[in-house]
PDB file of N, CA and C in Angstrom:
ATOM      1  N   MET A   1      13.080 -21.930  -6.606  1.00  0.00           N
ATOM      2  CA  MET A   1      12.225 -20.810  -6.224  1.00  0.00           C
ATOM      3  C   MET A   1      10.792 -21.321  -6.018  1.00  0.00           C
ATOM      4  N   GLU A   2      10.172 -20.773  -5.003  1.00  0.00           N
ATOM      5  CA  GLU A   2       8.769 -21.064  -4.708  1.00  0.00           C
ATOM      6  C   GLU A   2       7.941 -19.832  -5.063  1.00  0.00           C
ATOM      7  N   LYS A   3       6.655 -20.045  -5.319  1.00  0.00           N
ATOM      8  CA  LYS A   3       5.738 -18.935  -5.595  1.00  0.00           C
ATOM      9  C   LYS A   3       4.822 -18.745  -4.397  1.00  0.00           C
ATOM     10  N   LEU A   4       4.465 -17.483  -4.138  1.00  0.00           N
ATOM     11  CA  LEU A   4       3.587 -17.141  -3.025  1.00  0.00           C
ATOM     12  C   LEU A   4       2.603 -16.090  -3.496  1.00  0.00           C
ATOM     13  N   GLN A   5       1.346 -16.277  -3.160  1.00  0.00           N
ATOM     14  CA  GLN A   5       0.295 -15.325  -3.511  1.00  0.00           C
ATOM     15  C   GLN A   5      -0.410 -14.920  -2.225  1.00  0.00           C
ATOM     16  N   LEU A   6      -0.500 -13.622  -1.963  1.00  0.00           N
ATOM     17  CA  LEU A   6      -1.047 -13.111  -0.711  1.00  0.00           C
ATOM     18  C   LEU A   6      -2.139 -12.078  -0.956  1.00  0.00           C
ATOM     19  N   SER A   7      -3.175 -12.125  -0.151  1.00  0.00           N
ATOM     20  CA  SER A   7      -4.238 -11.127  -0.194  1.00  0.00           C
ATOM     21  C   SER A   7      -3.877 -10.013   0.779  1.00  0.00           C
ATOM     22  N   VAL A   8      -3.846  -8.767   0.267  1.00  0.00           N
ATOM     23  CA  VAL A   8      -3.433  -7.607   1.076  1.00  0.00           C
ATOM     24  C   VAL A   8      -4.530  -6.544   0.965  1.00  0.00           C
ATOM     25  N   PRO A   9      -5.564  -6.626   1.815  1.00  0.00           N
ATOM     26  CA  PRO A   9      -6.729  -5.744   1.687  1.00  0.00           C
ATOM     27  C   PRO A   9      -6.441  -4.252   1.805  1.00  0.00           C
ATOM     28  N   ASP A  10      -5.406  -3.856   2.537  1.00  0.00           N
ATOM     29  CA  ASP A  10      -5.123  -2.431   2.725  1.00  0.00           C
ATOM     30  C   ASP A  10      -4.298  -1.823   1.600  1.00  0.00           C
ATOM     31  N   MET A  11      -4.002  -2.578   0.577  1.00  0.00           N
ATOM     32  CA  MET A  11      -3.220  -2.086  -0.561  1.00  0.00           C
ATOM     33  C   MET A  11      -4.196  -1.723  -1.694  1.00  0.00           C
ATOM     34  N   TRP A  12      -4.838  -0.554  -1.578  1.00  0.00           N
ATOM     35  CA  TRP A  12      -5.894  -0.209  -2.522  1.00  0.00           C
ATOM     36  C   TRP A  12      -5.553   0.949  -3.456  1.00  0.00           C
ATOM     37  N   ALA A  13      -4.320   1.408  -3.455  1.00  0.00           N
ATOM     38  CA  ALA A  13      -3.921   2.487  -4.371  1.00  0.00           C
ATOM     39  C   ALA A  13      -2.492   2.234  -4.842  1.00  0.00           C
ATOM     40  N   ASP A  14      -2.119   2.892  -5.923  1.00  0.00           N
ATOM     41  CA  ASP A  14      -0.808   2.642  -6.521  1.00  0.00           C
ATOM     42  C   ASP A  14       0.352   2.978  -5.600  1.00  0.00           C
ATOM     43  N   HIS A  15       0.215   4.019  -4.773  1.00  0.00           N
ATOM     44  CA  HIS A  15       1.315   4.327  -3.869  1.00  0.00           C
ATOM     45  C   HIS A  15       1.475   3.251  -2.792  1.00  0.00           C
ATOM     46  N   HIS A  16       0.395   2.534  -2.475  1.00  0.00           N
ATOM     47  CA  HIS A  16       0.503   1.397  -1.564  1.00  0.00           C
ATOM     48  C   HIS A  16       1.293   0.268  -2.237  1.00  0.00           C
ATOM     49  N   VAL A  17       1.041   0.071  -3.513  1.00  0.00           N
ATOM     50  CA  VAL A  17       1.764  -0.954  -4.282  1.00  0.00           C
ATOM     51  C   VAL A  17       3.258  -0.654  -4.253  1.00  0.00           C
ATOM     52  N   LEU A  18       3.626   0.596  -4.478  1.00  0.00           N
ATOM     53  CA  LEU A  18       5.045   0.967  -4.477  1.00  0.00           C
ATOM     54  C   LEU A  18       5.690   0.693  -3.122  1.00  0.00           C
ATOM     55  N   LYS A  19       4.994   1.040  -2.047  1.00  0.00           N
ATOM     56  CA  LYS A  19       5.542   0.834  -0.708  1.00  0.00           C
ATOM     57  C   LYS A  19       5.671  -0.661  -0.392  1.00  0.00           C
ATOM     58  N   ALA A  20       4.660  -1.441  -0.747  1.00  0.00           N
ATOM     59  CA  ALA A  20       4.705  -2.888  -0.497  1.00  0.00           C
ATOM     60  C   ALA A  20       5.812  -3.537  -1.321  1.00  0.00           C
ATOM     61  N   ARG A  21       5.933  -3.144  -2.590  1.00  0.00           N
ATOM     62  CA  ARG A  21       6.997  -3.695  -3.442  1.00  0.00           C
ATOM     63  C   ARG A  21       8.381  -3.345  -2.899  1.00  0.00           C
ATOM     64  N   ALA A  22       8.555  -2.125  -2.417  1.00  0.00           N
ATOM     65  CA  ALA A  22       9.851  -1.714  -1.865  1.00  0.00           C
ATOM     66  C   ALA A  22      10.200  -2.555  -0.639  1.00  0.00           C
ATOM     67  N   ALA A  23       9.217  -2.807   0.217  1.00  0.00           N
ATOM     68  CA  ALA A  23       9.463  -3.620   1.416  1.00  0.00           C
ATOM     69  C   ALA A  23       9.837  -5.047   1.039  1.00  0.00           C
ATOM     70  N   LEU A  24       9.188  -5.580   0.014  1.00  0.00           N
ATOM     71  CA  LEU A  24       9.435  -6.977  -0.371  1.00  0.00           C
ATOM     72  C   LEU A  24      10.734  -7.152  -1.148  1.00  0.00           C
ATOM     73  N   THR A  25      11.021  -6.246  -2.056  1.00  0.00           N
ATOM     74  CA  THR A  25      12.237  -6.399  -2.864  1.00  0.00           C
ATOM     75  C   THR A  25      13.499  -6.190  -2.034  1.00  0.00           C
ATOM     76  N   ALA A  26      13.372  -5.589  -0.856  1.00  0.00           N
ATOM     77  CA  ALA A  26      14.525  -5.405   0.028  1.00  0.00           C
ATOM     78  C   ALA A  26      14.868  -6.684   0.799  1.00  0.00           C
ATOM     79  N   LEU A  27      13.982  -7.666   0.757  1.00  0.00           N
ATOM     80  CA  LEU A  27      14.202  -8.908   1.502  1.00  0.00           C
ATOM     81  C   LEU A  27      15.136  -9.849   0.745  1.00  0.00           C
ATOM     82  N   PRO A  28      16.006 -10.553   1.464  1.00  0.00           N
ATOM     83  CA  PRO A  28      16.878 -11.522   0.797  1.00  0.00           C
ATOM     84  C   PRO A  28      16.071 -12.713   0.275  1.00  0.00           C
ATOM     85  N   GLY A  29      16.343 -13.104  -0.949  1.00  0.00           N
ATOM     86  CA  GLY A  29      15.679 -14.270  -1.516  1.00  0.00           C
ATOM     87  C   GLY A  29      14.352 -14.003  -2.194  1.00  0.00           C
ATOM     88  N   VAL A  30      13.868 -12.758  -2.171  1.00  0.00           N
ATOM     89  CA  VAL A  30      12.592 -12.425  -2.809  1.00  0.00           C
ATOM     90  C   VAL A  30      12.858 -11.890  -4.209  1.00  0.00           C
ATOM     91  N   GLN A  31      12.128 -12.423  -5.178  1.00  0.00           N
ATOM     92  CA  GLN A  31      12.263 -12.000  -6.571  1.00  0.00           C
ATOM     93  C   GLN A  31      10.888 -11.903  -7.209  1.00  0.00           C
ATOM     94  N   GLU A  32      10.841 -11.286  -8.371  1.00  0.00           N
ATOM     95  CA  GLU A  32       9.627 -11.228  -9.200  1.00  0.00           C
ATOM     96  C   GLU A  32       8.389 -10.821  -8.410  1.00  0.00           C
ATOM     97  N   VAL A  33       8.410  -9.668  -7.799  1.00  0.00           N
ATOM     98  CA  VAL A  33       7.265  -9.183  -7.025  1.00  0.00           C
ATOM     99  C   VAL A  33       6.270  -8.529  -7.973  1.00  0.00           C
ATOM    100  N   ILE A  34       5.048  -9.033  -7.969  1.00  0.00           N
ATOM    101  CA  ILE A  34       3.952  -8.458  -8.744  1.00  0.00           C
ATOM    102  C   ILE A  34       2.874  -8.074  -7.742  1.00  0.00           C
ATOM    103  N   ALA A  35       2.494  -6.806  -7.733  1.00  0.00           N
ATOM    104  CA  ALA A  35       1.490  -6.323  -6.785  1.00  0.00           C
ATOM    105  C   ALA A  35       0.386  -5.600  -7.542  1.00  0.00           C
ATOM    106  N   SER A  36      -0.850  -5.773  -7.099  1.00  0.00           N
ATOM    107  CA  SER A  36      -2.004  -5.161  -7.760  1.00  0.00           C
ATOM    108  C   SER A  36      -2.899  -4.491  -6.734  1.00  0.00           C
ATOM    109  N   SER A  37      -3.106  -3.195  -6.910  1.00  0.00           N
ATOM    110  CA  SER A  37      -4.051  -2.494  -6.040  1.00  0.00           C
ATOM    111  C   SER A  37      -5.488  -2.806  -6.458  1.00  0.00           C
ATOM    112  N   ALA A  38      -5.709  -3.172  -7.705  1.00  0.00           N
ATOM    113  CA  ALA A  38      -7.052  -3.525  -8.171  1.00  0.00           C
ATOM    114  C   ALA A  38      -7.533  -4.811  -7.508  1.00  0.00           C
ATOM    115  N   PHE A  39      -6.652  -5.788  -7.423  1.00  0.00           N
ATOM    116  CA  PHE A  39      -7.008  -7.072  -6.814  1.00  0.00           C
ATOM    117  C   PHE A  39      -6.588  -7.152  -5.354  1.00  0.00           C
ATOM    118  N   ARG A  40      -5.792  -6.160  -4.907  1.00  0.00           N
ATOM    119  CA  ARG A  40      -5.259  -6.135  -3.546  1.00  0.00           C
ATOM    120  C   ARG A  40      -4.516  -7.435  -3.248  1.00  0.00           C
ATOM    121  N   MET A  41      -3.647  -7.784  -4.172  1.00  0.00           N
ATOM    122  CA  MET A  41      -2.883  -9.020  -4.064  1.00  0.00           C
ATOM    123  C   MET A  41      -1.420  -8.780  -4.375  1.00  0.00           C
ATOM    124  N   VAL A  42      -0.576  -9.632  -3.806  1.00  0.00           N
ATOM    125  CA  VAL A  42       0.847  -9.659  -4.096  1.00  0.00           C
ATOM    126  C   VAL A  42       1.204 -11.085  -4.490  1.00  0.00           C
ATOM    127  N   MET A  43       1.928 -11.220  -5.585  1.00  0.00           N
ATOM    128  CA  MET A  43       2.465 -12.511  -6.003  1.00  0.00           C
ATOM    129  C   MET A  43       3.970 -12.345  -6.122  1.00  0.00           C
ATOM    130  N   LEU A  44       4.717 -13.319  -5.645  1.00  0.00           N
ATOM    131  CA  LEU A  44       6.168 -13.215  -5.695  1.00  0.00           C
ATOM    132  C   LEU A  44       6.805 -14.593  -5.746  1.00  0.00           C
ATOM    133  N   SER A  45       8.066 -14.592  -6.131  1.00  0.00           N
ATOM    134  CA  SER A  45       8.893 -15.789  -6.071  1.00  0.00           C
ATOM    135  C   SER A  45       9.905 -15.570  -4.956  1.00  0.00           C
ATOM    136  N   TYR A  46      10.219 -16.640  -4.227  1.00  0.00           N
ATOM    137  CA  TYR A  46      11.187 -16.525  -3.146  1.00  0.00           C
ATOM    138  C   TYR A  46      11.988 -17.818  -3.016  1.00  0.00           C
ATOM    139  N   ASP A  47      13.168 -17.677  -2.460  1.00  0.00           N
ATOM    140  CA  ASP A  47      14.042 -18.816  -2.223  1.00  0.00           C
ATOM    141  C   ASP A  47      13.801 -19.290  -0.789  1.00  0.00           C
ATOM    142  N   PRO A  48      13.204 -20.474  -0.594  1.00  0.00           N
ATOM    143  CA  PRO A  48      12.904 -20.937   0.764  1.00  0.00           C
ATOM    144  C   PRO A  48      14.148 -21.197   1.616  1.00  0.00           C
ATOM    145  N   ALA A  49      15.314 -21.292   0.993  1.00  0.00           N
ATOM    146  CA  ALA A  49      16.548 -21.444   1.770  1.00  0.00           C
ATOM    147  C   ALA A  49      16.970 -20.127   2.409  1.00  0.00           C
ATOM    148  N   LEU A  50      16.455 -19.008   1.880  1.00  0.00           N
ATOM    149  CA  LEU A  50      16.845 -17.686   2.384  1.00  0.00           C
ATOM    150  C   LEU A  50      15.771 -16.997   3.212  1.00  0.00           C
ATOM    151  N   ILE A  51      14.500 -17.305   2.951  1.00  0.00           N
ATOM    152  CA  ILE A  51      13.411 -16.600   3.645  1.00  0.00           C
ATOM    153  C   ILE A  51      12.169 -17.486   3.675  1.00  0.00           C
ATOM    154  N   SER A  52      11.358 -17.294   4.703  1.00  0.00           N
ATOM    155  CA  SER A  52      10.129 -18.076   4.858  1.00  0.00           C
ATOM    156  C   SER A  52       8.912 -17.224   4.502  1.00  0.00           C
ATOM    157  N   PRO A  53       7.785 -17.871   4.188  1.00  0.00           N
ATOM    158  CA  PRO A  53       6.558 -17.107   3.960  1.00  0.00           C
ATOM    159  C   PRO A  53       6.170 -16.253   5.170  1.00  0.00           C
ATOM    160  N   GLY A  54       6.414 -16.759   6.369  1.00  0.00           N
ATOM    161  CA  GLY A  54       6.111 -15.993   7.578  1.00  0.00           C
ATOM    162  C   GLY A  54       6.903 -14.704   7.664  1.00  0.00           C
ATOM    163  N   ALA A  55       8.178 -14.753   7.275  1.00  0.00           N
ATOM    164  CA  ALA A  55       9.014 -13.550   7.285  1.00  0.00           C
ATOM    165  C   ALA A  55       8.555 -12.560   6.224  1.00  0.00           C
ATOM    166  N   ILE A  56       8.086 -13.074   5.096  1.00  0.00           N
ATOM    167  CA  ILE A  56       7.573 -12.207   4.032  1.00  0.00           C
ATOM    168  C   ILE A  56       6.307 -11.496   4.514  1.00  0.00           C
ATOM    169  N   MET A  57       5.402 -12.247   5.144  1.00  0.00           N
ATOM    170  CA  MET A  57       4.167 -11.645   5.659  1.00  0.00           C
ATOM    171  C   MET A  57       4.470 -10.643   6.775  1.00  0.00           C
ATOM    172  N   ALA A  58       5.467 -10.936   7.608  1.00  0.00           N
ATOM    173  CA  ALA A  58       5.847 -10.005   8.672  1.00  0.00           C
ATOM    174  C   ALA A  58       6.397  -8.703   8.096  1.00  0.00           C
ATOM    175  N   ALA A  59       7.162  -8.799   7.004  1.00  0.00           N
ATOM    176  CA  ALA A  59       7.704  -7.593   6.368  1.00  0.00           C
ATOM    177  C   ALA A  59       6.578  -6.734   5.798  1.00  0.00           C
ATOM    178  N   LEU A  60       5.573  -7.366   5.208  1.00  0.00           N
ATOM    179  CA  LEU A  60       4.420  -6.611   4.707  1.00  0.00           C
ATOM    180  C   LEU A  60       3.678  -5.938   5.857  1.00  0.00           C
ATOM    181  N   GLU A  61       3.496  -6.653   6.945  1.00  0.00           N
ATOM    182  CA  GLU A  61       2.801  -6.066   8.102  1.00  0.00           C
ATOM    183  C   GLU A  61       3.595  -4.898   8.674  1.00  0.00           C
ATOM    184  N   ASP A  62       4.920  -5.040   8.756  1.00  0.00           N
ATOM    185  CA  ASP A  62       5.763  -3.943   9.251  1.00  0.00           C
ATOM    186  C   ASP A  62       5.660  -2.714   8.348  1.00  0.00           C
ATOM    187  N   ALA A  63       5.422  -2.932   7.059  1.00  0.00           N
ATOM    188  CA  ALA A  63       5.278  -1.825   6.114  1.00  0.00           C
ATOM    189  C   ALA A  63       3.876  -1.213   6.160  1.00  0.00           C
ATOM    190  N   GLY A  64       2.975  -1.816   6.945  1.00  0.00           N
ATOM    191  CA  GLY A  64       1.616  -1.292   7.064  1.00  0.00           C
ATOM    192  C   GLY A  64       0.586  -2.017   6.230  1.00  0.00           C
ATOM    193  N   TYR A  65       0.947  -3.193   5.707  1.00  0.00           N
ATOM    194  CA  TYR A  65       0.050  -3.944   4.837  1.00  0.00           C
ATOM    195  C   TYR A  65      -0.090  -5.383   5.312  1.00  0.00           C
ATOM    196  N   PRO A  66      -0.881  -5.608   6.375  1.00  0.00           N
ATOM    197  CA  PRO A  66      -1.044  -6.972   6.873  1.00  0.00           C
ATOM    198  C   PRO A  66      -1.744  -7.870   5.851  1.00  0.00           C
ATOM    199  N   VAL A  67      -1.329  -9.104   5.839  1.00  0.00           N
ATOM    200  CA  VAL A  67      -1.895 -10.099   4.931  1.00  0.00           C
ATOM    201  C   VAL A  67      -3.179 -10.646   5.535  1.00  0.00           C
ATOM    202  N   ALA A  68      -4.222 -10.765   4.720  1.00  0.00           N
ATOM    203  CA  ALA A  68      -5.488 -11.329   5.180  1.00  0.00           C
ATOM    204  C   ALA A  68      -5.340 -12.837   5.261  1.00  0.00           C
ATOM    205  N   THR A  69      -5.511 -13.371   6.456  1.00  0.00           N
ATOM    206  CA  THR A  69      -5.420 -14.820   6.642  1.00  0.00           C
ATOM    207  C   THR A  69      -6.770 -15.422   6.996  1.00  0.00           C
ATOM    208  N   ASP A  70      -7.797 -14.582   7.023  1.00  0.00           N
ATOM    209  CA  ASP A  70      -9.127 -15.052   7.408  1.00  0.00           C
ATOM    210  C   ASP A  70     -10.032 -15.330   6.215  1.00  0.00           C
ATOM    211  N   GLY A  71      -9.463 -15.338   5.026  1.00  0.00           N
ATOM    212  CA  GLY A  71     -10.252 -15.622   3.831  1.00  0.00           C
ATOM    213  C   GLY A  71     -10.840 -14.401   3.174  1.00  0.00           C
ATOM    214  N   THR A  72     -10.709 -13.212   3.791  1.00  0.00           N
ATOM    215  CA  THR A  72     -11.238 -12.011   3.161  1.00  0.00           C
ATOM    216  C   THR A  72     -10.296 -11.563   2.056  1.00  0.00           C
ATOM    217  N   GLY A  73     -10.854 -11.026   1.033  1.00  0.00           N
ATOM    218  CA  GLY A  73     -10.065 -10.534  -0.070  1.00  0.00           C
ATOM    219  C   GLY A  73     -10.966 -10.016  -1.164  1.00  0.00           C
ATOM    220  N   VAL A  74     -10.368  -9.491  -2.185  1.00  0.00           N
ATOM    221  CA  VAL A  74     -11.138  -8.915  -3.277  1.00  0.00           C
ATOM    222  C   VAL A  74     -11.650  -9.990  -4.219  1.00  0.00           C
ATOM    223  N   ILE A  75     -10.838 -11.013  -4.463  1.00  0.00           N
ATOM    224  CA  ILE A  75     -11.271 -12.073  -5.367  1.00  0.00           C
ATOM    225  C   ILE A  75     -11.438 -13.367  -4.588  1.00  0.00           C
ATOM    226  N   ALA A  76     -12.381 -14.175  -5.012  1.00  0.00           N
ATOM    227  CA  ALA A  76     -12.685 -15.405  -4.286  1.00  0.00           C
ATOM    228  C   ALA A  76     -11.737 -16.545  -4.643  1.00  0.00           C
ATOM    229  N   GLU A  77     -11.250 -16.557  -5.865  1.00  0.00           N
ATOM    230  CA  GLU A  77     -10.365 -17.627  -6.306  1.00  0.00           C
ATOM    231  C   GLU A  77      -8.967 -17.075  -6.535  1.00  0.00           C
ATOM    232  N   THR A  78      -7.976 -17.881  -6.238  1.00  0.00           N
ATOM    233  CA  THR A  78      -6.615 -17.451  -6.504  1.00  0.00           C
ATOM    234  C   THR A  78      -6.324 -17.517  -7.990  1.00  0.00           C
ATOM    235  N   ILE A  79      -5.445 -16.640  -8.435  1.00  0.00           N
ATOM    236  CA  ILE A  79      -5.019 -16.619  -9.831  1.00  0.00           C
ATOM    237  C   ILE A  79      -3.807 -17.531  -9.933  1.00  0.00           C
ATOM    238  N   PRO A  80      -3.803 -18.453 -10.880  1.00  0.00           N
ATOM    239  CA  PRO A  80      -2.643 -19.352 -10.993  1.00  0.00           C
ATOM    240  C   PRO A  80      -1.396 -18.586 -11.431  1.00  0.00           C
ATOM    241  N   ALA A  81      -0.578 -18.180 -10.459  1.00  0.00           N
ATOM    242  CA  ALA A  81       0.595 -17.360 -10.736  1.00  0.00           C
ATOM    243  C   ALA A  81       1.617 -18.102 -11.592  1.00  0.00           C
ATOM    244  N   ALA A  82       1.705 -19.397 -11.416  1.00  0.00           N
ATOM    245  CA  ALA A  82       2.719 -20.167 -12.135  1.00  0.00           C
ATOM    246  C   ALA A  82       2.455 -20.231 -13.640  1.00  0.00           C
ATOM    247  N   THR A  83       1.197 -20.122 -14.049  1.00  0.00           N
ATOM    248  CA  THR A  83       0.882 -20.247 -15.473  1.00  0.00           C
ATOM    249  C   THR A  83       1.063 -18.951 -16.233  1.00  0.00           C
ATOM    250  N   GLY A  84       1.034 -17.822 -15.525  1.00  0.00           N
ATOM    251  CA  GLY A  84       1.207 -16.531 -16.183  1.00  0.00           C
ATOM    252  C   GLY A  84      -0.020 -16.071 -16.951  1.00  0.00           C
ATOM    253  N   GLN A  85      -1.146 -16.751 -16.796  1.00  0.00           N
ATOM    254  CA  GLN A  85      -2.333 -16.353 -17.539  1.00  0.00           C
ATOM    255  C   GLN A  85      -2.973 -15.108 -16.936  1.00  0.00           C
ATOM    256  N   VAL A  86      -3.689 -14.377 -17.741  1.00  0.00           N
ATOM    257  CA  VAL A  86      -4.364 -13.155 -17.307  1.00  0.00           C
ATOM    258  C   VAL A  86      -5.713 -13.538 -16.724  1.00  0.00           C
ATOM    259  N   ASP A  87      -6.039 -12.980 -15.573  1.00  0.00           N
ATOM    260  CA  ASP A  87      -7.324 -13.233 -14.948  1.00  0.00           C
ATOM    261  C   ASP A  87      -8.394 -12.423 -15.684  1.00  0.00           C
ATOM    262  N   SER A  88      -9.414 -13.101 -16.160  1.00  0.00           N
ATOM    263  CA  SER A  88     -10.461 -12.424 -16.931  1.00  0.00           C
ATOM    264  C   SER A  88     -11.251 -11.426 -16.084  1.00  0.00           C
ATOM    265  N   ALA A  89     -11.200 -11.554 -14.758  1.00  0.00           N
ATOM    266  CA  ALA A  89     -11.916 -10.614 -13.891  1.00  0.00           C
ATOM    267  C   ALA A  89     -11.378  -9.196 -14.048  1.00  0.00           C
ATOM    268  N   TRP A  90     -10.129  -9.055 -14.457  1.00  0.00           N
ATOM    269  CA  TRP A  90      -9.541  -7.728 -14.653  1.00  0.00           C
ATOM    270  C   TRP A  90     -10.386  -6.910 -15.627  1.00  0.00           C
ATOM    271  N   PHE A  91     -10.917  -7.545 -16.651  1.00  0.00           N
ATOM    272  CA  PHE A  91     -11.672  -6.839 -17.674  1.00  0.00           C
ATOM    273  C   PHE A  91     -13.119  -6.600 -17.258  1.00  0.00           C
ATOM    274  N   ARG A  92     -13.589  -7.241 -16.198  1.00  0.00           N
ATOM    275  CA  ARG A  92     -14.955  -7.037 -15.713  1.00  0.00           C
ATOM    276  C   ARG A  92     -15.041  -5.935 -14.674  1.00  0.00           C
ATOM    277  N   LEU A  93     -13.916  -5.393 -14.240  1.00  0.00           N
ATOM    278  CA  LEU A  93     -13.941  -4.379 -13.187  1.00  0.00           C
ATOM    279  C   LEU A  93     -14.537  -3.061 -13.647  1.00  0.00           C
ATOM    280  N   GLY A  94     -14.492  -2.820 -14.942  1.00  0.00           N
ATOM    281  CA  GLY A  94     -15.084  -1.593 -15.455  1.00  0.00           C
ATOM    282  C   GLY A  94     -14.217  -0.385 -15.230  1.00  0.00           C
ATOM    283  N   LEU A  95     -14.845   0.749 -14.904  1.00  0.00           N
ATOM    284  CA  LEU A  95     -14.123   2.002 -14.736  1.00  0.00           C
ATOM    285  C   LEU A  95     -13.217   1.956 -13.513  1.00  0.00           C
ATOM    286  N   ARG A  96     -12.099   2.618 -13.615  1.00  0.00           N
ATOM    287  CA  ARG A  96     -11.157   2.697 -12.503  1.00  0.00           C
ATOM    288  C   ARG A  96     -11.248   4.086 -11.863  1.00  0.00           C
ATOM    289  N   GLN A  97     -11.002   4.160 -10.581  1.00  0.00           N
ATOM    290  CA  GLN A  97     -11.007   5.427  -9.856  1.00  0.00           C
ATOM    291  C   GLN A  97      -9.680   6.134 -10.091  1.00  0.00           C
ATOM    292  N   HIS A  98      -9.727   7.398 -10.502  1.00  0.00           N
ATOM    293  CA  HIS A  98      -8.513   8.146 -10.783  1.00  0.00           C
ATOM    294  C   HIS A  98      -8.365   9.363  -9.879  1.00  0.00           C
ATOM    295  N   LYS A  99      -9.237   9.510  -8.919  1.00  0.00           N
ATOM    296  CA  LYS A  99      -9.193  10.653  -8.009  1.00  0.00           C
ATOM    297  C   LYS A  99      -8.521  10.216  -6.704  1.00  0.00           C
ATOM    298  N   THR A 100      -7.728  11.098  -6.130  1.00  0.00           N
ATOM    299  CA  THR A 100      -7.064  10.798  -4.871  1.00  0.00           C
ATOM    300  C   THR A 100      -8.097  10.651  -3.765  1.00  0.00           C
ATOM    301  N   ASP A 101      -7.975   9.594  -3.012  1.00  0.00           N
ATOM    302  CA  ASP A 101      -8.853   9.363  -1.878  1.00  0.00           C
ATOM    303  C   ASP A 101      -8.446  10.315  -0.756  1.00  0.00           C
ATOM    304  N   GLU A 102      -9.408  10.970  -0.136  1.00  0.00           N
ATOM    305  CA  GLU A 102      -9.139  11.948   0.921  1.00  0.00           C
ATOM    306  C   GLU A 102      -8.347  11.331   2.078  1.00  0.00           C
ATOM    307  N   ARG A 103      -8.483  10.016   2.279  1.00  0.00           N
ATOM    308  CA  ARG A 103      -7.753   9.359   3.365  1.00  0.00           C
ATOM    309  C   ARG A 103      -6.253   9.369   3.118  1.00  0.00           C
ATOM    310  N   ASP A 104      -5.842   9.549   1.861  1.00  0.00           N
ATOM    311  CA  ASP A 104      -4.422   9.558   1.536  1.00  0.00           C
ATOM    312  C   ASP A 104      -3.785  10.924   1.733  1.00  0.00           C
ATOM    313  N   LEU A 105      -4.582  11.930   1.891  1.00  0.00           N
ATOM    314  CA  LEU A 105      -4.041  13.278   2.067  1.00  0.00           C
ATOM    315  C   LEU A 105      -3.759  13.522   3.548  1.00  0.00           C
ATOM    316  N   LYS A 106      -2.641  14.156   3.820  1.00  0.00           N
ATOM    317  CA  LYS A 106      -2.307  14.435   5.217  1.00  0.00           C
ATOM    318  C   LYS A 106      -3.221  15.508   5.787  1.00  0.00           C
ATOM    319  N   THR A 107      -3.567  16.483   4.968  1.00  0.00           N
ATOM    320  CA  THR A 107      -4.504  17.518   5.390  1.00  0.00           C
ATOM    321  C   THR A 107      -5.482  17.769   4.262  1.00  0.00           C
ATOM    322  N   LYS A 108      -6.700  18.055   4.614  1.00  0.00           N
ATOM    323  CA  LYS A 108      -7.691  18.391   3.591  1.00  0.00           C
ATOM    324  C   LYS A 108      -7.527  19.838   3.199  1.00  0.00           C
ATOM    325  N   ARG A 109      -7.735  20.121   1.940  1.00  0.00           N
ATOM    326  CA  ARG A 109      -7.589  21.487   1.454  1.00  0.00           C
ATOM    327  C   ARG A 109      -8.918  22.136   1.305  1.00  0.00           C
TER     328      ARG A 109
END
């Protein structure tokens, strides 16, 4: 199994995480999908004999979550996924937003 870490800028809420995870877990050879709307990142394990990183990124794009390949992202350094350590930046984020963003509503009330 190989590990892959991707920056997904459009995944900024929990329902985006669910949709991205559903798209990825449906792929053959993809396992251990970890997605974070706080960091806008996806980390996963995959079997390179069954699927390529390009196919994984294409599946995310088809689901509406293109991968940032231009260096843009929420965090500047990658988190070492293989070590399983917790990124200390998580604790520096402070308060979390708990209100629904108006862009997520189909109609405003």
